[in-house]
């Protein structure tokens, strides 16, 4: 199976309606506390999984909201992966090649960082992975890309390898030419789009690409 899946986690959500279009016509995998976002939108998951330590499973079931949910899997709290990671594995095993994570940021820093690192895990699996919330879009690339300008958004580039070599930035406010971006450098933070399509060119490495609104 190829196609698009959305994984709903239990991170911080401010504007619930923002997520309605993202969830539309997608296969939805809910990880534990993400069920509260879906309840607010009255959108049922195709799969609901987790150790259910971040939601009141029995109360949710009593409401009837889970009626019609195709699959529910409960895991032990003592396990070797987060609920979101388990959801990612499930989506990959189902054959989805485009996976979006929502509710994956905010709250605990360790969970937010672990979820961002799942983008690298997905990249290694040959799957397109994206993290979205109301103000941020993040994805990982191991090859040169072009990006259409996005109004009122900053563009940040963060290396997820020791170095990203031969980095050249074109059609951005702050260009670079054949630069070696090292892990820990902050020169890639808060660049700005121009009117032309941005070009991010590099020879080797992994780049975390983040487009953010203030």
N, C-alpha and C. Protein backbone atom coordinates (compact mmCIF):
# COMPACT_ATOMS: atom_id res chain seq x y z
N UNK A 1 0.84 -1.19 0.00
CA UNK A 1 0.00 0.00 0.00
C UNK A 1 0.88 1.25 0.00
N UNK A 2 0.65 2.13 -0.96
CA UNK A 2 1.28 3.43 -0.90
C UNK A 2 0.20 4.45 -0.56
N UNK A 3 0.60 5.66 -0.25
CA UNK A 3 -0.38 6.66 0.08
C UNK A 3 0.01 7.45 1.30
N UNK A 4 -0.95 8.24 1.80
CA UNK A 4 -0.67 9.17 2.88
C UNK A 4 -1.34 8.73 4.18
N UNK A 5 -0.58 8.84 5.26
CA UNK A 5 -1.10 8.57 6.59
C UNK A 5 -0.78 9.75 7.49
N UNK A 6 -1.63 9.98 8.48
CA UNK A 6 -1.38 11.00 9.49
C UNK A 6 -1.33 10.32 10.85
N UNK A 7 -0.28 10.61 11.60
CA UNK A 7 -0.15 10.11 12.97
C UNK A 7 -0.47 11.26 13.92
N UNK A 8 -1.39 11.03 14.82
CA UNK A 8 -1.84 12.05 15.76
C UNK A 8 -1.30 11.73 17.15
N UNK A 9 -0.42 12.58 17.65
CA UNK A 9 0.15 12.38 18.98
C UNK A 9 -0.44 13.39 19.97
N UNK A 10 0.00 13.30 21.22
CA UNK A 10 -0.65 14.06 22.28
C UNK A 10 0.07 15.33 22.69
N UNK A 11 0.78 15.98 21.75
CA UNK A 11 1.48 17.22 22.06
C UNK A 11 0.54 18.41 22.14
N UNK A 12 1.13 19.60 22.18
CA UNK A 12 0.37 20.82 22.36
C UNK A 12 -0.41 21.19 21.10
N UNK A 13 -1.68 21.52 21.30
CA UNK A 13 -2.55 21.97 20.20
C UNK A 13 -3.24 23.25 20.65
N UNK A 14 -3.16 24.29 19.83
CA UNK A 14 -3.82 25.56 20.15
C UNK A 14 -5.05 25.80 19.28
N UNK A 15 -4.92 25.53 18.00
CA UNK A 15 -6.00 25.79 17.06
C UNK A 15 -6.45 24.47 16.44
N UNK A 16 -7.50 23.90 16.98
CA UNK A 16 -7.95 22.58 16.55
C UNK A 16 -8.38 22.57 15.09
N UNK A 17 -9.04 23.63 14.63
CA UNK A 17 -9.57 23.64 13.27
C UNK A 17 -8.46 23.59 12.22
N UNK A 18 -7.23 24.00 12.59
CA UNK A 18 -6.10 23.96 11.67
C UNK A 18 -5.88 22.55 11.13
N UNK A 19 -6.20 21.55 11.92
CA UNK A 19 -5.87 20.17 11.57
C UNK A 19 -6.93 19.46 10.74
N UNK A 20 -8.08 20.06 10.58
CA UNK A 20 -9.18 19.39 9.87
C UNK A 20 -8.78 19.01 8.45
N UNK A 21 -8.20 19.96 7.71
CA UNK A 21 -7.83 19.70 6.32
C UNK A 21 -6.68 18.70 6.22
N UNK A 22 -5.77 18.75 7.18
CA UNK A 22 -4.63 17.82 7.18
C UNK A 22 -5.12 16.37 7.31
N UNK A 23 -6.18 16.18 8.09
CA UNK A 23 -6.70 14.84 8.37
C UNK A 23 -7.65 14.33 7.29
N UNK A 24 -8.12 15.23 6.45
CA UNK A 24 -9.14 14.87 5.47
C UNK A 24 -8.63 13.83 4.48
N UNK A 25 -9.41 12.77 4.32
CA UNK A 25 -9.11 11.72 3.33
C UNK A 25 -7.76 11.05 3.56
N UNK A 26 -7.31 10.97 4.81
CA UNK A 26 -6.06 10.29 5.14
C UNK A 26 -6.35 9.07 6.02
N UNK A 27 -5.43 8.13 6.00
CA UNK A 27 -5.47 7.04 6.97
C UNK A 27 -4.92 7.59 8.28
N UNK A 28 -5.72 7.50 9.35
CA UNK A 28 -5.38 8.16 10.61
C UNK A 28 -4.98 7.14 11.66
N UNK A 29 -3.77 7.32 12.19
CA UNK A 29 -3.26 6.49 13.28
C UNK A 29 -3.14 7.38 14.50
N UNK A 30 -3.86 7.06 15.54
CA UNK A 30 -3.84 7.88 16.75
C UNK A 30 -2.96 7.23 17.81
N UNK A 31 -2.02 8.00 18.33
CA UNK A 31 -1.13 7.52 19.39
C UNK A 31 -1.57 8.11 20.73
N UNK A 32 -2.17 7.29 21.56
CA UNK A 32 -2.53 7.62 22.94
C UNK A 32 -3.27 8.95 23.06
N UNK A 33 -2.68 9.96 23.71
CA UNK A 33 -3.38 11.20 24.02
C UNK A 33 -3.80 12.02 22.81
N UNK A 34 -3.35 11.64 21.62
CA UNK A 34 -3.82 12.30 20.41
C UNK A 34 -5.31 12.15 20.19
N UNK A 35 -5.91 11.21 20.91
CA UNK A 35 -7.35 10.96 20.76
C UNK A 35 -8.17 12.19 21.13
N UNK A 36 -7.65 13.04 22.00
CA UNK A 36 -8.42 14.22 22.41
C UNK A 36 -8.52 15.24 21.27
N UNK A 37 -7.49 15.36 20.44
CA UNK A 37 -7.57 16.21 19.26
C UNK A 37 -8.66 15.69 18.32
N UNK A 38 -8.65 14.38 18.09
CA UNK A 38 -9.64 13.80 17.19
C UNK A 38 -11.05 13.94 17.74
N UNK A 39 -11.21 13.80 19.05
CA UNK A 39 -12.52 13.99 19.66
C UNK A 39 -13.03 15.41 19.42
N UNK A 40 -12.15 16.39 19.60
CA UNK A 40 -12.54 17.79 19.40
C UNK A 40 -13.05 18.02 17.98
N UNK A 41 -12.45 17.32 17.02
CA UNK A 41 -12.82 17.49 15.62
C UNK A 41 -13.88 16.50 15.16
N UNK A 42 -14.22 15.56 16.06
CA UNK A 42 -15.18 14.50 15.74
C UNK A 42 -14.73 13.69 14.51
N UNK A 43 -13.44 13.38 14.50
CA UNK A 43 -12.86 12.55 13.44
C UNK A 43 -12.31 11.28 14.09
N UNK A 44 -12.80 10.15 13.64
CA UNK A 44 -12.40 8.88 14.26
C UNK A 44 -11.14 8.33 13.60
N UNK A 45 -10.28 7.70 14.39
CA UNK A 45 -9.06 7.12 13.82
C UNK A 45 -9.34 5.77 13.16
N UNK A 46 -8.48 5.41 12.22
CA UNK A 46 -8.51 4.06 11.67
C UNK A 46 -7.81 3.09 12.60
N UNK A 47 -6.78 3.57 13.29
CA UNK A 47 -6.04 2.78 14.27
C UNK A 47 -5.80 3.63 15.51
N UNK A 48 -6.04 3.05 16.67
CA UNK A 48 -5.80 3.73 17.94
C UNK A 48 -4.88 2.82 18.75
N UNK A 49 -3.69 3.33 19.08
CA UNK A 49 -2.72 2.49 19.78
C UNK A 49 -1.99 3.27 20.85
N UNK A 50 -1.34 2.53 21.74
CA UNK A 50 -0.54 3.15 22.79
C UNK A 50 -0.67 2.40 24.09
N UNK A 51 0.02 2.91 25.12
CA UNK A 51 -0.13 2.32 26.45
C UNK A 51 -1.28 2.98 27.21
N UNK A 52 -1.84 4.03 26.63
CA UNK A 52 -3.01 4.73 27.15
C UNK A 52 -2.79 5.30 28.55
N UNK A 53 -1.57 5.78 28.78
CA UNK A 53 -1.29 6.46 30.04
C UNK A 53 -1.55 7.96 29.93
N UNK A 54 -1.83 8.43 28.72
CA UNK A 54 -2.08 9.86 28.51
C UNK A 54 -3.53 10.16 28.15
N UNK A 55 -4.37 9.16 28.29
CA UNK A 55 -5.80 9.36 28.05
C UNK A 55 -6.58 8.41 28.95
N UNK A 56 -7.82 8.72 29.15
CA UNK A 56 -8.71 7.86 29.93
C UNK A 56 -9.46 6.96 28.94
N UNK A 57 -8.86 5.83 28.65
CA UNK A 57 -9.39 4.95 27.61
C UNK A 57 -10.82 4.51 27.91
N UNK A 58 -11.07 4.12 29.15
CA UNK A 58 -12.41 3.61 29.49
C UNK A 58 -13.48 4.68 29.32
N UNK A 59 -13.17 5.91 29.73
CA UNK A 59 -14.15 6.99 29.58
C UNK A 59 -14.40 7.30 28.10
N UNK A 60 -13.34 7.28 27.31
CA UNK A 60 -13.49 7.55 25.87
C UNK A 60 -14.34 6.46 25.23
N UNK A 61 -14.10 5.22 25.62
CA UNK A 61 -14.86 4.12 25.05
C UNK A 61 -16.34 4.22 25.42
N UNK A 62 -16.63 4.66 26.64
CA UNK A 62 -18.02 4.80 27.09
C UNK A 62 -18.79 5.81 26.26
N UNK A 63 -18.11 6.82 25.75
CA UNK A 63 -18.79 7.85 24.96
C UNK A 63 -19.25 7.32 23.60
N UNK A 64 -18.71 6.19 23.19
CA UNK A 64 -19.04 5.63 21.88
C UNK A 64 -18.18 6.16 20.76
N UNK A 65 -17.23 7.03 21.10
CA UNK A 65 -16.40 7.64 20.07
C UNK A 65 -15.57 6.60 19.32
N UNK A 66 -15.20 5.52 19.99
CA UNK A 66 -14.36 4.50 19.37
C UNK A 66 -15.16 3.47 18.58
N UNK A 67 -16.49 3.57 18.61
CA UNK A 67 -17.31 2.65 17.83
C UNK A 67 -16.97 2.83 16.35
N UNK A 68 -16.67 1.74 15.69
CA UNK A 68 -16.31 1.82 14.28
C UNK A 68 -14.82 1.95 14.03
N UNK A 69 -14.06 2.20 15.08
CA UNK A 69 -12.60 2.22 14.92
C UNK A 69 -12.15 0.83 14.49
N UNK A 70 -11.43 0.76 13.39
CA UNK A 70 -11.11 -0.53 12.79
C UNK A 70 -10.14 -1.36 13.62
N UNK A 71 -9.28 -0.71 14.37
CA UNK A 71 -8.25 -1.46 15.09
C UNK A 71 -7.80 -0.69 16.33
N UNK A 72 -7.70 -1.37 17.45
CA UNK A 72 -7.22 -0.79 18.70
C UNK A 72 -6.17 -1.74 19.27
N UNK A 73 -5.00 -1.20 19.61
CA UNK A 73 -3.94 -2.03 20.18
C UNK A 73 -3.38 -1.35 21.43
N UNK A 74 -3.39 -2.08 22.52
CA UNK A 74 -2.85 -1.56 23.77
C UNK A 74 -1.50 -2.21 24.06
N UNK A 75 -0.53 -1.37 24.48
CA UNK A 75 0.81 -1.85 24.79
C UNK A 75 1.11 -1.61 26.26
N UNK A 76 2.07 -2.33 26.78
CA UNK A 76 2.52 -2.13 28.14
C UNK A 76 3.23 -0.78 28.26
N UNK A 77 3.12 -0.16 29.44
CA UNK A 77 3.84 1.09 29.67
C UNK A 77 5.35 0.84 29.59
N UNK A 78 5.78 -0.31 30.12
CA UNK A 78 7.21 -0.66 30.08
C UNK A 78 7.53 -1.23 28.70
N UNK A 79 7.97 -0.37 27.79
CA UNK A 79 8.27 -0.81 26.43
C UNK A 79 9.49 -0.06 25.92
N UNK A 80 9.98 -0.46 24.76
CA UNK A 80 11.25 0.07 24.26
C UNK A 80 11.10 1.17 23.23
N UNK A 81 9.90 1.65 23.01
CA UNK A 81 9.66 2.72 22.04
C UNK A 81 8.49 3.57 22.51
N UNK A 82 8.47 4.83 22.07
CA UNK A 82 7.33 5.69 22.41
C UNK A 82 6.11 5.26 21.60
N UNK A 83 4.95 5.72 22.05
CA UNK A 83 3.73 5.42 21.31
C UNK A 83 3.80 5.97 19.88
N UNK A 84 4.38 7.16 19.72
CA UNK A 84 4.49 7.75 18.39
C UNK A 84 5.40 6.92 17.49
N UNK A 85 6.50 6.41 18.07
CA UNK A 85 7.41 5.55 17.29
C UNK A 85 6.70 4.27 16.87
N UNK A 86 5.92 3.70 17.76
CA UNK A 86 5.16 2.50 17.42
C UNK A 86 4.17 2.79 16.29
N UNK A 87 3.55 3.97 16.35
CA UNK A 87 2.62 4.38 15.29
C UNK A 87 3.34 4.54 13.96
N UNK A 88 4.55 5.11 14.00
CA UNK A 88 5.35 5.25 12.78
C UNK A 88 5.68 3.87 12.20
N UNK A 89 6.10 2.95 13.04
CA UNK A 89 6.40 1.59 12.57
C UNK A 89 5.18 0.94 11.93
N UNK A 90 4.04 1.14 12.56
CA UNK A 90 2.80 0.57 12.03
C UNK A 90 2.50 1.14 10.64
N UNK A 91 2.66 2.46 10.49
CA UNK A 91 2.40 3.10 9.20
C UNK A 91 3.37 2.61 8.12
N UNK A 92 4.63 2.46 8.49
CA UNK A 92 5.62 1.96 7.54
C UNK A 92 5.30 0.53 7.13
N UNK A 93 4.95 -0.30 8.11
CA UNK A 93 4.61 -1.70 7.82
C UNK A 93 3.37 -1.81 6.92
N UNK A 94 2.46 -0.84 7.04
CA UNK A 94 1.27 -0.83 6.19
C UNK A 94 1.59 -0.36 4.77
N UNK A 95 2.81 0.16 4.58
CA UNK A 95 3.24 0.54 3.25
C UNK A 95 3.02 1.99 2.87
N UNK A 96 2.69 2.85 3.84
CA UNK A 96 2.50 4.26 3.52
C UNK A 96 3.86 4.90 3.22
N UNK A 97 3.89 5.72 2.18
CA UNK A 97 5.16 6.34 1.78
C UNK A 97 5.19 7.85 2.03
N UNK A 98 4.13 8.38 2.65
CA UNK A 98 4.04 9.81 2.98
C UNK A 98 3.33 9.91 4.33
N UNK A 99 4.09 10.23 5.37
CA UNK A 99 3.56 10.20 6.73
C UNK A 99 3.73 11.57 7.37
N UNK A 100 2.62 12.12 7.85
CA UNK A 100 2.63 13.41 8.55
C UNK A 100 2.35 13.19 10.02
N UNK A 101 3.15 13.83 10.87
CA UNK A 101 2.94 13.75 12.31
C UNK A 101 2.37 15.08 12.81
N UNK A 102 1.25 15.01 13.51
CA UNK A 102 0.68 16.19 14.16
C UNK A 102 0.55 15.92 15.65
N UNK A 103 0.49 16.99 16.44
CA UNK A 103 0.49 16.80 17.89
C UNK A 103 1.82 16.24 18.37
N UNK A 104 2.87 16.45 17.58
CA UNK A 104 4.17 15.85 17.88
C UNK A 104 5.13 16.82 18.56
N UNK A 105 4.71 18.07 18.76
CA UNK A 105 5.57 19.09 19.35
C UNK A 105 4.88 19.70 20.57
N UNK A 106 5.67 20.40 21.39
CA UNK A 106 5.11 21.02 22.60
C UNK A 106 5.07 20.03 23.75
N UNK A 107 4.79 20.52 24.92
CA UNK A 107 4.81 19.63 26.08
C UNK A 107 6.24 19.27 26.44
N UNK A 108 6.49 17.98 26.66
CA UNK A 108 7.81 17.54 27.09
C UNK A 108 8.84 17.66 25.98
N UNK A 109 9.98 18.25 26.31
CA UNK A 109 11.05 18.45 25.33
C UNK A 109 11.58 17.12 24.81
N UNK A 110 11.71 16.12 25.69
CA UNK A 110 12.26 14.84 25.25
C UNK A 110 11.39 14.19 24.18
N UNK A 111 10.07 14.28 24.36
CA UNK A 111 9.17 13.71 23.36
C UNK A 111 9.24 14.50 22.05
N UNK A 112 9.31 15.82 22.14
CA UNK A 112 9.40 16.63 20.92
C UNK A 112 10.67 16.29 20.14
N UNK A 113 11.80 16.18 20.83
CA UNK A 113 13.06 15.85 20.16
C UNK A 113 13.03 14.43 19.58
N UNK A 114 12.47 13.50 20.34
CA UNK A 114 12.37 12.13 19.85
C UNK A 114 11.52 12.07 18.59
N UNK A 115 10.45 12.86 18.56
CA UNK A 115 9.58 12.87 17.37
C UNK A 115 10.29 13.49 16.18
N UNK A 116 11.08 14.54 16.40
CA UNK A 116 11.86 15.13 15.31
C UNK A 116 12.87 14.12 14.77
N UNK A 117 13.48 13.36 15.66
CA UNK A 117 14.44 12.35 15.23
C UNK A 117 13.76 11.22 14.43
N UNK A 118 12.46 11.05 14.61
CA UNK A 118 11.74 10.07 13.80
C UNK A 118 11.77 10.42 12.32
N UNK A 119 11.98 11.70 12.00
CA UNK A 119 12.11 12.08 10.60
C UNK A 119 13.34 11.42 9.97
N UNK A 120 14.40 11.30 10.74
CA UNK A 120 15.59 10.60 10.23
C UNK A 120 15.30 9.11 10.06
N UNK A 121 14.59 8.55 11.03
CA UNK A 121 14.20 7.14 10.96
C UNK A 121 13.37 6.88 9.71
N UNK A 122 12.43 7.77 9.42
CA UNK A 122 11.60 7.62 8.23
C UNK A 122 12.43 7.77 6.95
N UNK A 123 13.35 8.72 6.97
CA UNK A 123 14.22 8.90 5.81
C UNK A 123 15.00 7.64 5.50
N UNK A 124 15.48 6.97 6.55
CA UNK A 124 16.23 5.73 6.35
C UNK A 124 15.35 4.62 5.79
N UNK A 125 14.04 4.72 6.04
CA UNK A 125 13.08 3.73 5.52
C UNK A 125 12.61 4.09 4.11
N UNK A 126 13.08 5.23 3.59
CA UNK A 126 12.66 5.66 2.27
C UNK A 126 11.27 6.25 2.25
N UNK A 127 10.83 6.77 3.39
CA UNK A 127 9.48 7.32 3.53
C UNK A 127 9.56 8.83 3.74
N UNK A 128 8.69 9.56 3.08
CA UNK A 128 8.61 11.01 3.29
C UNK A 128 7.93 11.28 4.62
N UNK A 129 8.60 12.02 5.49
CA UNK A 129 8.05 12.34 6.80
C UNK A 129 7.98 13.84 7.02
N UNK A 130 6.89 14.30 7.61
CA UNK A 130 6.70 15.72 7.88
C UNK A 130 6.08 15.89 9.26
N UNK A 131 6.58 16.88 10.01
CA UNK A 131 5.95 17.26 11.27
C UNK A 131 5.30 18.62 11.06
N UNK A 132 4.03 18.72 11.46
CA UNK A 132 3.28 19.96 11.28
C UNK A 132 2.61 20.39 12.57
N UNK A 133 2.64 21.68 12.83
CA UNK A 133 1.69 22.27 13.79
C UNK A 133 1.28 23.63 13.25
N UNK A 134 0.59 24.40 14.06
CA UNK A 134 0.03 25.65 13.56
C UNK A 134 1.09 26.63 13.04
N UNK A 135 2.29 26.56 13.56
CA UNK A 135 3.31 27.55 13.19
C UNK A 135 4.58 26.95 12.59
N UNK A 136 4.65 25.65 12.48
CA UNK A 136 5.88 25.01 12.02
C UNK A 136 5.61 23.87 11.06
N UNK A 137 6.52 23.75 10.09
CA UNK A 137 6.56 22.60 9.21
C UNK A 137 8.01 22.13 9.15
N UNK A 138 8.25 20.87 9.43
CA UNK A 138 9.62 20.35 9.46
C UNK A 138 9.70 19.05 8.68
N UNK A 139 10.78 18.92 7.91
CA UNK A 139 11.04 17.66 7.21
C UNK A 139 12.54 17.51 7.03
N UNK A 140 12.96 16.33 6.64
CA UNK A 140 14.38 16.02 6.49
C UNK A 140 14.67 15.77 5.02
N UNK A 141 15.83 16.22 4.56
CA UNK A 141 16.23 15.92 3.20
C UNK A 141 17.69 15.49 3.15
N UNK A 142 17.97 14.53 2.29
CA UNK A 142 19.35 14.09 2.06
C UNK A 142 19.81 14.46 0.65
N UNK A 143 19.03 15.32 0.00
CA UNK A 143 19.38 15.75 -1.35
C UNK A 143 18.97 17.20 -1.55
N UNK A 144 19.51 17.83 -2.57
CA UNK A 144 19.20 19.22 -2.89
C UNK A 144 17.72 19.37 -3.23
N UNK A 145 17.14 20.52 -2.84
CA UNK A 145 15.71 20.74 -3.05
C UNK A 145 15.47 22.19 -3.48
N UNK A 146 14.28 22.42 -4.00
CA UNK A 146 13.78 23.76 -4.29
C UNK A 146 12.52 23.97 -3.47
N UNK A 147 12.34 25.18 -2.95
CA UNK A 147 11.17 25.49 -2.13
C UNK A 147 10.49 26.74 -2.65
N UNK A 148 9.17 26.65 -2.82
CA UNK A 148 8.40 27.83 -3.16
C UNK A 148 8.37 28.77 -1.96
N UNK A 149 8.43 30.08 -2.19
CA UNK A 149 8.38 31.04 -1.08
C UNK A 149 7.10 30.88 -0.27
N UNK A 150 7.21 30.99 1.03
CA UNK A 150 6.05 30.95 1.92
C UNK A 150 6.01 32.24 2.71
N UNK A 151 4.97 33.00 2.51
CA UNK A 151 4.86 34.33 3.11
C UNK A 151 4.84 34.24 4.63
N UNK A 152 5.57 35.15 5.26
CA UNK A 152 5.61 35.29 6.72
C UNK A 152 6.24 34.08 7.42
N UNK A 153 7.00 33.29 6.68
CA UNK A 153 7.68 32.15 7.30
C UNK A 153 9.18 32.30 7.21
N UNK A 154 9.85 31.97 8.29
CA UNK A 154 11.31 31.90 8.31
C UNK A 154 11.74 30.50 7.88
N UNK A 155 12.90 30.41 7.28
CA UNK A 155 13.46 29.13 6.85
C UNK A 155 14.72 28.85 7.65
N UNK A 156 14.74 27.72 8.34
CA UNK A 156 15.93 27.32 9.11
C UNK A 156 16.42 25.97 8.65
N UNK A 157 17.74 25.84 8.61
CA UNK A 157 18.40 24.61 8.18
C UNK A 157 19.33 24.14 9.29
N UNK A 158 19.09 22.93 9.77
CA UNK A 158 19.85 22.38 10.89
C UNK A 158 20.44 21.04 10.46
N UNK A 159 21.77 20.87 10.57
CA UNK A 159 22.37 19.60 10.17
C UNK A 159 22.06 18.49 11.17
N UNK A 160 21.71 17.32 10.64
CA UNK A 160 21.53 16.14 11.49
C UNK A 160 22.62 15.11 11.25
N UNK A 161 23.67 15.55 10.58
CA UNK A 161 24.92 14.80 10.50
C UNK A 161 26.02 15.73 10.99
N UNK A 162 27.20 15.20 11.23
CA UNK A 162 28.29 16.04 11.75
C UNK A 162 28.51 17.27 10.87
N UNK A 163 28.41 17.08 9.56
CA UNK A 163 28.55 18.20 8.62
C UNK A 163 27.57 18.01 7.47
N UNK A 164 27.17 19.13 6.89
CA UNK A 164 26.50 19.14 5.59
C UNK A 164 27.44 19.88 4.66
N UNK A 165 27.94 19.18 3.66
CA UNK A 165 29.05 19.70 2.85
C UNK A 165 28.56 20.32 1.54
N UNK A 166 29.25 21.39 1.16
CA UNK A 166 28.96 22.05 -0.11
C UNK A 166 27.62 22.75 -0.14
N UNK A 167 27.20 23.29 0.99
CA UNK A 167 25.88 23.91 1.07
C UNK A 167 25.86 25.26 0.35
N UNK A 168 24.99 25.37 -0.62
CA UNK A 168 24.78 26.60 -1.37
C UNK A 168 23.31 26.99 -1.30
N UNK A 169 23.05 28.23 -0.93
CA UNK A 169 21.68 28.73 -0.83
C UNK A 169 21.48 29.84 -1.84
N UNK A 170 20.43 29.70 -2.64
CA UNK A 170 20.13 30.70 -3.66
C UNK A 170 18.71 31.21 -3.49
N UNK A 171 18.50 32.46 -3.89
CA UNK A 171 17.18 33.10 -3.83
C UNK A 171 16.64 33.16 -2.40
N UNK A 172 17.54 33.34 -1.45
CA UNK A 172 17.17 33.60 -0.07
C UNK A 172 17.85 34.91 0.36
N UNK A 173 17.33 35.52 1.40
CA UNK A 173 17.89 36.81 1.84
C UNK A 173 19.36 36.67 2.21
N UNK A 174 19.71 35.54 2.83
CA UNK A 174 21.10 35.30 3.24
C UNK A 174 21.63 34.10 2.46
N UNK A 175 22.33 34.33 1.36
CA UNK A 175 22.85 33.23 0.55
C UNK A 175 24.11 32.62 1.15
N UNK A 176 24.42 31.45 0.70
CA UNK A 176 25.69 30.79 1.04
C UNK A 176 26.25 30.17 -0.23
N UNK A 177 27.54 29.96 -0.23
CA UNK A 177 28.19 29.36 -1.39
C UNK A 177 29.19 28.32 -0.94
N UNK A 178 28.91 27.06 -1.26
CA UNK A 178 29.83 25.94 -0.99
C UNK A 178 30.31 25.95 0.46
N UNK A 179 29.37 26.07 1.38
CA UNK A 179 29.66 26.20 2.82
C UNK A 179 29.58 24.84 3.49
N UNK A 180 30.44 24.60 4.46
CA UNK A 180 30.35 23.40 5.28
C UNK A 180 29.61 23.74 6.57
N UNK A 181 28.39 23.27 6.69
CA UNK A 181 27.56 23.53 7.87
C UNK A 181 27.79 22.42 8.89
N UNK A 182 28.26 22.80 10.07
CA UNK A 182 28.58 21.81 11.10
C UNK A 182 27.48 21.72 12.13
N UNK A 183 27.31 20.52 12.68
CA UNK A 183 26.34 20.35 13.75
C UNK A 183 26.71 21.28 14.91
N UNK A 184 25.75 22.07 15.35
CA UNK A 184 26.00 23.07 16.38
C UNK A 184 26.06 24.48 15.83
N UNK A 185 26.27 24.62 14.51
CA UNK A 185 26.25 25.94 13.89
C UNK A 185 24.83 26.51 13.92
N UNK A 186 24.73 27.82 14.07
CA UNK A 186 23.41 28.46 14.05
C UNK A 186 23.25 29.40 12.85
N UNK A 187 24.20 29.37 11.93
CA UNK A 187 24.13 30.25 10.76
C UNK A 187 22.92 29.94 9.88
N UNK A 188 22.41 28.74 10.00
CA UNK A 188 21.28 28.34 9.16
C UNK A 188 19.92 28.73 9.71
N UNK A 189 19.89 29.41 10.85
CA UNK A 189 18.61 29.73 11.49
C UNK A 189 18.05 31.06 10.97
N UNK A 190 16.74 31.08 10.75
CA UNK A 190 15.97 32.30 10.43
C UNK A 190 16.41 33.00 9.15
N UNK A 191 16.57 32.23 8.10
CA UNK A 191 16.74 32.83 6.79
C UNK A 191 15.36 33.28 6.30
N UNK A 192 15.34 34.03 5.20
CA UNK A 192 14.08 34.58 4.71
C UNK A 192 13.93 34.34 3.22
N UNK A 193 12.69 34.01 2.83
CA UNK A 193 12.40 33.81 1.42
C UNK A 193 12.44 35.14 0.66
N UNK A 194 12.77 35.06 -0.63
CA UNK A 194 12.58 36.17 -1.54
C UNK A 194 11.37 35.83 -2.42
N UNK A 195 11.21 36.56 -3.50
CA UNK A 195 10.06 36.30 -4.37
C UNK A 195 10.28 35.08 -5.26
N UNK A 196 11.52 34.64 -5.38
CA UNK A 196 11.84 33.53 -6.26
C UNK A 196 11.94 32.21 -5.50
N UNK A 197 11.84 31.14 -6.24
CA UNK A 197 11.94 29.80 -5.66
C UNK A 197 13.32 29.61 -5.02
N UNK A 198 13.33 29.22 -3.76
CA UNK A 198 14.59 29.03 -3.04
C UNK A 198 15.25 27.72 -3.47
N UNK A 199 16.57 27.77 -3.57
CA UNK A 199 17.33 26.57 -3.91
C UNK A 199 18.27 26.23 -2.75
N UNK A 200 18.18 25.00 -2.28
CA UNK A 200 19.05 24.49 -1.22
C UNK A 200 19.85 23.34 -1.84
N UNK A 201 21.11 23.60 -2.07
CA UNK A 201 21.96 22.67 -2.79
C UNK A 201 23.08 22.20 -1.86
N UNK A 202 23.30 20.91 -1.78
CA UNK A 202 24.43 20.40 -0.99
C UNK A 202 24.89 19.06 -1.53
N UNK A 203 26.12 18.70 -1.18
CA UNK A 203 26.75 17.51 -1.74
C UNK A 203 26.59 16.28 -0.85
N UNK A 204 26.58 16.52 0.47
CA UNK A 204 26.59 15.38 1.38
C UNK A 204 26.04 15.79 2.74
N UNK A 205 25.25 14.90 3.37
CA UNK A 205 24.75 15.15 4.70
C UNK A 205 23.23 15.06 4.78
N UNK A 206 22.72 15.36 5.96
CA UNK A 206 21.27 15.38 6.22
C UNK A 206 20.90 16.73 6.77
N UNK A 207 19.87 17.34 6.20
CA UNK A 207 19.41 18.65 6.64
C UNK A 207 17.98 18.56 7.17
N UNK A 208 17.80 19.09 8.37
CA UNK A 208 16.46 19.30 8.90
C UNK A 208 15.99 20.67 8.42
N UNK A 209 14.92 20.69 7.67
CA UNK A 209 14.38 21.92 7.10
C UNK A 209 13.14 22.32 7.89
N UNK A 210 13.14 23.54 8.42
CA UNK A 210 12.03 24.01 9.24
C UNK A 210 11.55 25.35 8.70
N UNK A 211 10.24 25.43 8.45
CA UNK A 211 9.62 26.69 8.06
C UNK A 211 8.67 27.10 9.18
N UNK A 212 8.91 28.27 9.75
CA UNK A 212 8.22 28.68 10.98
C UNK A 212 7.66 30.09 10.88
N UNK A 213 6.53 30.28 11.54
CA UNK A 213 5.97 31.62 11.74
C UNK A 213 6.28 32.07 13.15
N UNK A 214 6.47 33.38 13.34
CA UNK A 214 6.68 33.92 14.68
C UNK A 214 5.37 33.85 15.48
